[in-house]
């Protein structure tokens, strides 16, 4: 074990188990022969690789204390002694990096993220506080309990290549899709138009507890309580819609494909200001409008 890189890595100081679940928790869905979606509580991650082969790539790392479930999933899918070539991050919010420290300790593999996310992974910078005042349902109101302090991963974390290539995934490229977070990225494969979108858009109203619990399908903007730049978020959705993806896995909600994806994503682009941007909240138009 590489103690030089291991001794200083740790979770954010406010990381803890969050008792939030959906009907999809612990379940997996095969989207393509080599793309598998797995849900830890209320968030999705992707394991990309051919089943039975020992090497794969993990995209995102689930909720806090989810590492054991992720390890068991990868062992069943890729083999008892399998390990990824790399872990890729769409962004570094707590529900996408919750199992990361334990996975690094187990696998000792590099983690790649956009350069603008790296300060949240090296202990340098905390995310802005989640906004429980934002327009939305009960889950938005409870977001004040969500962790926002940075992880400290030391030299395990590296920037994604400048040229858009993706370590360990030759056919994918990454796209900068900020808004939900400064360094948010999505991953796209031209050959079959497979999109792994993170939280650039989602397929469930993530601010509404009932929708999250039941995983009610609704192509929606990024989760409101953590999105700090709505103009950038709109541009990112437009960028992804222009790719005309055939299949999409988002950070929250069910995978979606074909006509349902095309129509839903187009509708989101056309009506983004109306259906995605909240009427009020700290981060609407870049200012605190909670008192208006």
Protein backbone atom coordinates (compact mmCIF):
# COMPACT_ATOMS: atom_id res chain seq x y z
CA UNK A 1 0.00 0.00 0.00
CA UNK A 2 1.32 3.44 -0.96
CA UNK A 3 1.43 5.12 2.42
CA UNK A 4 2.89 8.31 0.93
CA UNK A 5 -0.39 9.00 -0.86
CA UNK A 6 -2.67 7.34 1.66
CA UNK A 7 -1.81 8.91 4.98
CA UNK A 8 -3.35 12.31 4.37
CA UNK A 9 -6.45 11.47 2.35
CA UNK A 10 -9.77 11.97 4.09
CA UNK A 11 -13.39 12.92 3.57
CA UNK A 12 -14.80 16.37 4.17
CA UNK A 13 -15.08 17.22 7.85
CA UNK A 14 -18.89 17.34 7.62
CA UNK A 15 -19.26 14.03 5.74
CA UNK A 16 -21.66 11.60 7.34
CA UNK A 17 -24.27 9.06 6.41
CA UNK A 18 -27.39 10.69 4.95
CA UNK A 19 -30.57 8.57 5.45
CA UNK A 20 -32.11 9.25 2.03
CA UNK A 21 -33.37 6.46 -0.23
CA UNK A 22 -35.27 5.77 -3.43
CA UNK A 23 -36.90 2.62 -4.81
CA UNK A 24 -33.84 2.19 -7.04
CA UNK A 25 -31.32 2.06 -4.19
CA UNK A 26 -28.91 -0.87 -4.54
CA UNK A 27 -30.11 -1.73 -8.04
CA UNK A 28 -28.33 -1.67 -11.37
CA UNK A 29 -29.41 -1.22 -14.97
CA UNK A 30 -27.42 -2.23 -18.04
CA UNK A 31 -27.75 0.56 -20.61
CA UNK A 32 -25.19 -0.68 -23.14
CA UNK A 33 -23.14 -3.88 -23.21
CA UNK A 34 -20.37 -1.95 -21.47
CA UNK A 35 -22.30 0.76 -19.60
CA UNK A 36 -23.89 -0.18 -16.29
CA UNK A 37 -25.76 2.25 -14.05
CA UNK A 38 -25.80 1.60 -10.30
CA UNK A 39 -27.78 3.53 -7.68
CA UNK A 40 -26.51 4.23 -4.18
CA UNK A 41 -29.52 5.54 -2.21
CA UNK A 42 -30.57 8.51 -4.38
CA UNK A 43 -27.66 8.95 -6.80
CA UNK A 44 -26.37 7.08 -9.85
CA UNK A 45 -22.86 6.16 -10.88
CA UNK A 46 -21.62 4.32 -13.96
CA UNK A 47 -19.30 1.35 -14.38
CA UNK A 48 -18.00 1.30 -17.94
CA UNK A 49 -16.35 -1.88 -19.17
CA UNK A 50 -17.12 -5.34 -20.49
CA UNK A 51 -18.50 -7.71 -17.81
CA UNK A 52 -16.03 -10.39 -16.78
CA UNK A 53 -12.99 -8.36 -17.77
CA UNK A 54 -10.93 -7.23 -14.82
CA UNK A 55 -10.44 -3.61 -15.87
CA UNK A 56 -13.12 -0.94 -16.14
CA UNK A 57 -13.68 2.73 -15.36
CA UNK A 58 -15.91 4.06 -12.59
CA UNK A 59 -17.70 7.37 -13.14
CA UNK A 60 -18.62 9.01 -9.82
CA UNK A 61 -18.52 7.40 -6.40
CA UNK A 62 -21.91 7.53 -4.74
CA UNK A 63 -23.17 8.65 -1.35
CA UNK A 64 -21.14 8.76 1.88
CA UNK A 65 -20.52 5.25 3.27
CA UNK A 66 -21.43 3.63 -0.06
CA UNK A 67 -18.00 2.14 -0.87
CA UNK A 68 -18.86 -1.40 0.27
CA UNK A 69 -21.90 -1.52 -2.01
CA UNK A 70 -19.88 -0.16 -4.93
CA UNK A 71 -17.10 -2.68 -4.35
CA UNK A 72 -19.57 -5.55 -4.23
CA UNK A 73 -21.20 -4.38 -7.47
CA UNK A 74 -17.87 -4.18 -9.29
CA UNK A 75 -16.77 -7.59 -8.00
CA UNK A 76 -19.96 -9.21 -9.21
CA UNK A 77 -19.78 -7.51 -12.60
CA UNK A 78 -16.05 -7.60 -13.34
CA UNK A 79 -14.61 -10.26 -11.05
CA UNK A 80 -13.45 -10.68 -7.48
CA UNK A 81 -10.04 -9.12 -8.08
CA UNK A 82 -11.14 -6.44 -10.53
CA UNK A 83 -10.15 -2.82 -10.18
CA UNK A 84 -10.75 0.20 -12.39
CA UNK A 85 -8.15 1.85 -14.58
CA UNK A 86 -9.37 5.16 -13.14
CA UNK A 87 -12.21 6.89 -11.35
CA UNK A 88 -13.74 9.81 -13.25
CA UNK A 89 -15.86 12.50 -11.63
CA UNK A 90 -18.65 14.53 -13.18
CA UNK A 91 -18.22 16.85 -10.20
CA UNK A 92 -17.31 16.71 -6.52
CA UNK A 93 -20.59 17.23 -4.64
CA UNK A 94 -20.88 14.93 -1.63
CA UNK A 95 -23.33 12.52 -3.28
CA UNK A 96 -20.96 11.89 -6.19
CA UNK A 97 -17.77 11.41 -4.17
CA UNK A 98 -19.12 9.85 -0.96
CA UNK A 99 -17.34 6.52 -1.36
CA UNK A 100 -14.23 7.94 -2.97
CA UNK A 101 -11.73 7.90 -0.10
CA UNK A 102 -12.48 4.28 0.77
CA UNK A 103 -12.36 3.27 -2.91
CA UNK A 104 -8.94 4.90 -3.35
CA UNK A 105 -7.67 3.08 -0.28
CA UNK A 106 -8.95 -0.22 -1.71
CA UNK A 107 -7.96 0.22 -5.35
CA UNK A 108 -5.10 2.76 -5.30
CA UNK A 109 -6.10 4.24 -8.66
CA UNK A 110 -6.05 7.84 -9.94
CA UNK A 111 -9.08 10.11 -9.85
CA UNK A 112 -9.73 12.56 -12.70
CA UNK A 113 -11.81 15.73 -12.54
CA UNK A 114 -12.05 19.08 -14.28
CA UNK A 115 -9.38 21.53 -13.05
CA UNK A 116 -12.08 23.77 -11.54
CA UNK A 117 -13.27 20.90 -9.32
CA UNK A 118 -9.85 19.98 -8.00
CA UNK A 119 -9.83 22.56 -5.14
CA UNK A 120 -12.90 20.75 -3.73
CA UNK A 121 -10.91 17.49 -3.81
CA UNK A 122 -7.65 18.68 -2.28
CA UNK A 123 -8.93 20.41 0.84
CA UNK A 124 -8.45 23.90 -0.58
CA UNK A 125 -12.02 25.11 -0.99
CA UNK A 126 -15.55 24.33 0.20
CA UNK A 127 -18.53 24.49 -2.08
CA UNK A 128 -21.06 27.27 -1.46
CA UNK A 129 -23.64 26.20 1.12
CA UNK A 130 -26.68 24.37 -0.26
CA UNK A 131 -29.75 26.61 -0.45
CA UNK A 132 -32.73 25.40 1.61
CA UNK A 133 -34.53 28.67 0.78
CA UNK A 134 -34.72 27.87 -2.94
CA UNK A 135 -38.11 27.31 -4.59
CA UNK A 136 -38.79 23.57 -4.45
CA UNK A 137 -40.08 20.66 -2.44
CA UNK A 138 -39.17 19.08 0.87
CA UNK A 139 -35.78 17.72 -0.18
CA UNK A 140 -34.70 21.25 -1.09
CA UNK A 141 -35.84 22.45 2.34
CA UNK A 142 -33.75 19.72 4.00
CA UNK A 143 -30.62 20.46 1.97
CA UNK A 144 -29.04 22.40 4.84
CA UNK A 145 -27.92 19.01 6.23
CA UNK A 146 -25.97 18.12 3.07
CA UNK A 147 -22.17 18.20 3.34
CA UNK A 148 -20.25 20.80 1.33
CA UNK A 149 -16.72 20.70 2.72
CA UNK A 150 -13.85 19.46 0.52
CA UNK A 151 -12.21 16.07 0.38
CA UNK A 152 -8.43 15.81 0.67
CA UNK A 153 -7.15 13.32 -1.90
CA UNK A 154 -3.55 14.51 -2.23
CA UNK A 155 -1.79 13.39 -5.41
CA UNK A 156 -4.45 10.79 -6.23
CA UNK A 157 -6.51 13.46 -8.01
CA UNK A 158 -5.48 14.73 -11.44
CA UNK A 159 -6.96 17.09 -14.05
CA UNK A 160 -8.75 15.64 -17.05
CA UNK A 161 -6.66 16.01 -20.24
CA UNK A 162 -7.00 19.36 -21.99
CA UNK A 163 -7.78 17.72 -25.33
CA UNK A 164 -11.12 16.23 -24.22
CA UNK A 165 -9.92 12.64 -24.14
CA UNK A 166 -10.98 10.45 -21.24
CA UNK A 167 -8.45 8.31 -19.34
CA UNK A 168 -9.35 4.64 -19.67
CA UNK A 169 -12.21 5.25 -22.12
CA UNK A 170 -10.80 5.68 -25.61
CA UNK A 171 -14.15 6.28 -27.36
CA UNK A 172 -15.55 8.83 -24.91
CA UNK A 173 -14.77 12.51 -24.71
CA UNK A 174 -15.53 14.89 -21.87
CA UNK A 175 -17.38 18.19 -22.18
CA UNK A 176 -17.31 21.05 -19.70
CA UNK A 177 -20.93 21.50 -18.57
CA UNK A 178 -20.78 24.00 -15.69
CA UNK A 179 -23.62 25.62 -13.78
CA UNK A 180 -24.45 22.99 -11.19
CA UNK A 181 -20.80 23.28 -10.18
CA UNK A 182 -17.91 25.23 -11.73
CA UNK A 183 -16.06 22.21 -13.07
CA UNK A 184 -18.97 19.93 -13.88
CA UNK A 185 -18.33 17.66 -16.87
CA UNK A 186 -20.34 15.18 -18.91
CA UNK A 187 -19.06 12.22 -20.95
CA UNK A 188 -20.20 11.41 -24.50
CA UNK A 189 -19.51 8.59 -26.97
CA UNK A 190 -20.24 9.50 -30.58
CA UNK A 191 -20.45 5.91 -31.86
CA UNK A 192 -23.73 5.12 -30.12
CA UNK A 193 -24.52 8.61 -28.80
CA UNK A 194 -24.23 7.48 -25.19
CA UNK A 195 -24.28 10.39 -22.72
CA UNK A 196 -23.30 10.27 -19.05
CA UNK A 197 -24.58 13.67 -17.96
CA UNK A 198 -23.98 13.85 -14.22
CA UNK A 199 -26.21 16.57 -12.79
CA UNK A 200 -26.16 18.88 -15.84
CA UNK A 201 -29.76 17.69 -16.14
CA UNK A 202 -31.56 14.91 -14.30
CA UNK A 203 -34.56 12.67 -14.90
CA UNK A 204 -36.33 13.24 -11.60
CA UNK A 205 -37.37 16.40 -9.72
CA UNK A 206 -34.53 16.11 -7.25
CA UNK A 207 -35.89 18.83 -4.96
CA UNK A 208 -39.17 16.94 -4.38
CA UNK A 209 -39.04 14.11 -1.86
CA UNK A 210 -41.93 12.09 -3.33
CA UNK A 211 -40.43 12.19 -6.82
CA UNK A 212 -37.05 11.08 -5.46
CA UNK A 213 -38.54 8.24 -3.41
CA UNK A 214 -40.58 6.91 -6.33
CA UNK A 215 -38.11 7.90 -9.07
CA UNK A 216 -40.90 9.52 -11.07
CA UNK A 217 -39.55 10.19 -14.57
CA UNK A 218 -39.29 13.87 -15.49
CA UNK A 219 -36.43 15.36 -17.47
CA UNK A 220 -35.50 18.33 -15.31
CA UNK A 221 -32.81 20.92 -14.78
CA UNK A 222 -29.98 20.36 -12.31
CA UNK A 223 -30.80 19.96 -8.60
CA UNK A 224 -31.81 23.43 -7.44
CA UNK A 225 -30.36 23.47 -3.94
CA UNK A 226 -26.75 23.09 -5.17
CA UNK A 227 -26.86 24.94 -8.51
CA UNK A 228 -25.14 28.32 -8.24
CA UNK A 229 -24.92 29.55 -11.86
CA UNK A 230 -28.20 29.23 -13.75
CA UNK A 231 -27.00 31.00 -16.90
CA UNK A 232 -24.15 28.51 -17.25
CA UNK A 233 -26.50 25.63 -16.43
CA UNK A 234 -28.78 26.67 -19.30
CA UNK A 235 -25.89 26.85 -21.74
CA UNK A 236 -24.73 23.39 -20.64
CA UNK A 237 -28.15 21.85 -21.27
CA UNK A 238 -28.21 23.46 -24.72
CA UNK A 239 -24.77 21.98 -25.43
CA UNK A 240 -25.89 18.48 -24.43
CA UNK A 241 -29.17 18.68 -26.36
CA UNK A 242 -27.21 19.65 -29.49
CA UNK A 243 -25.36 16.32 -29.29
CA UNK A 244 -28.68 14.52 -29.94
CA UNK A 245 -27.87 11.70 -27.50
CA UNK A 246 -29.67 8.39 -27.94
CA UNK A 247 -29.18 7.19 -24.36
CA UNK A 248 -28.53 9.22 -21.22
CA UNK A 249 -27.60 8.34 -17.67
CA UNK A 250 -27.99 11.25 -15.29
CA UNK A 251 -26.87 11.62 -11.71
CA UNK A 252 -30.41 11.25 -10.40
CA UNK A 253 -33.37 9.37 -11.84
CA UNK A 254 -33.80 6.58 -14.36
CA UNK A 255 -31.80 6.18 -17.58
CA UNK A 256 -33.68 7.53 -20.58
CA UNK A 257 -33.35 6.94 -24.32
CA UNK A 258 -34.78 7.44 -27.78
CA UNK A 259 -37.76 9.66 -28.42
CA UNK A 260 -38.48 10.19 -24.73
CA UNK A 261 -34.98 11.60 -24.26
CA UNK A 262 -35.06 13.69 -27.44
CA UNK A 263 -38.44 15.25 -26.70
CA UNK A 264 -37.79 15.77 -23.00
CA UNK A 265 -34.39 17.36 -23.52
CA UNK A 266 -35.71 19.62 -26.28
CA UNK A 267 -38.59 20.71 -24.05
CA UNK A 268 -36.14 21.44 -21.23
CA UNK A 269 -34.03 23.63 -23.51
CA UNK A 270 -37.04 25.54 -24.84
CA UNK A 271 -38.60 26.09 -21.41
CA UNK A 272 -35.46 26.16 -19.23
CA UNK A 273 -36.11 29.57 -17.68
CA UNK A 274 -39.69 28.56 -16.88
CA UNK A 275 -39.28 24.99 -15.60
CA UNK A 276 -35.69 24.72 -14.39
CA UNK A 277 -34.71 28.09 -12.95
CA UNK A 278 -36.36 28.62 -9.55
CA UNK A 279 -38.43 31.75 -8.97
CA UNK A 280 -36.40 32.57 -5.87
CA UNK A 281 -33.31 31.45 -4.00
CA UNK A 282 -29.84 32.62 -3.03
CA UNK A 283 -28.26 31.75 -6.34
CA UNK A 284 -30.93 32.94 -8.77
CA UNK A 285 -29.44 35.61 -11.06
CA UNK A 286 -26.34 35.46 -8.91
CA UNK A 287 -27.88 37.29 -5.99
CA UNK A 288 -29.82 36.58 -2.82
CA UNK A 289 -33.49 37.02 -3.70
CA UNK A 290 -34.87 35.13 -0.71
CA UNK A 291 -36.19 38.33 0.87
CA UNK A 292 -38.03 39.52 -2.23
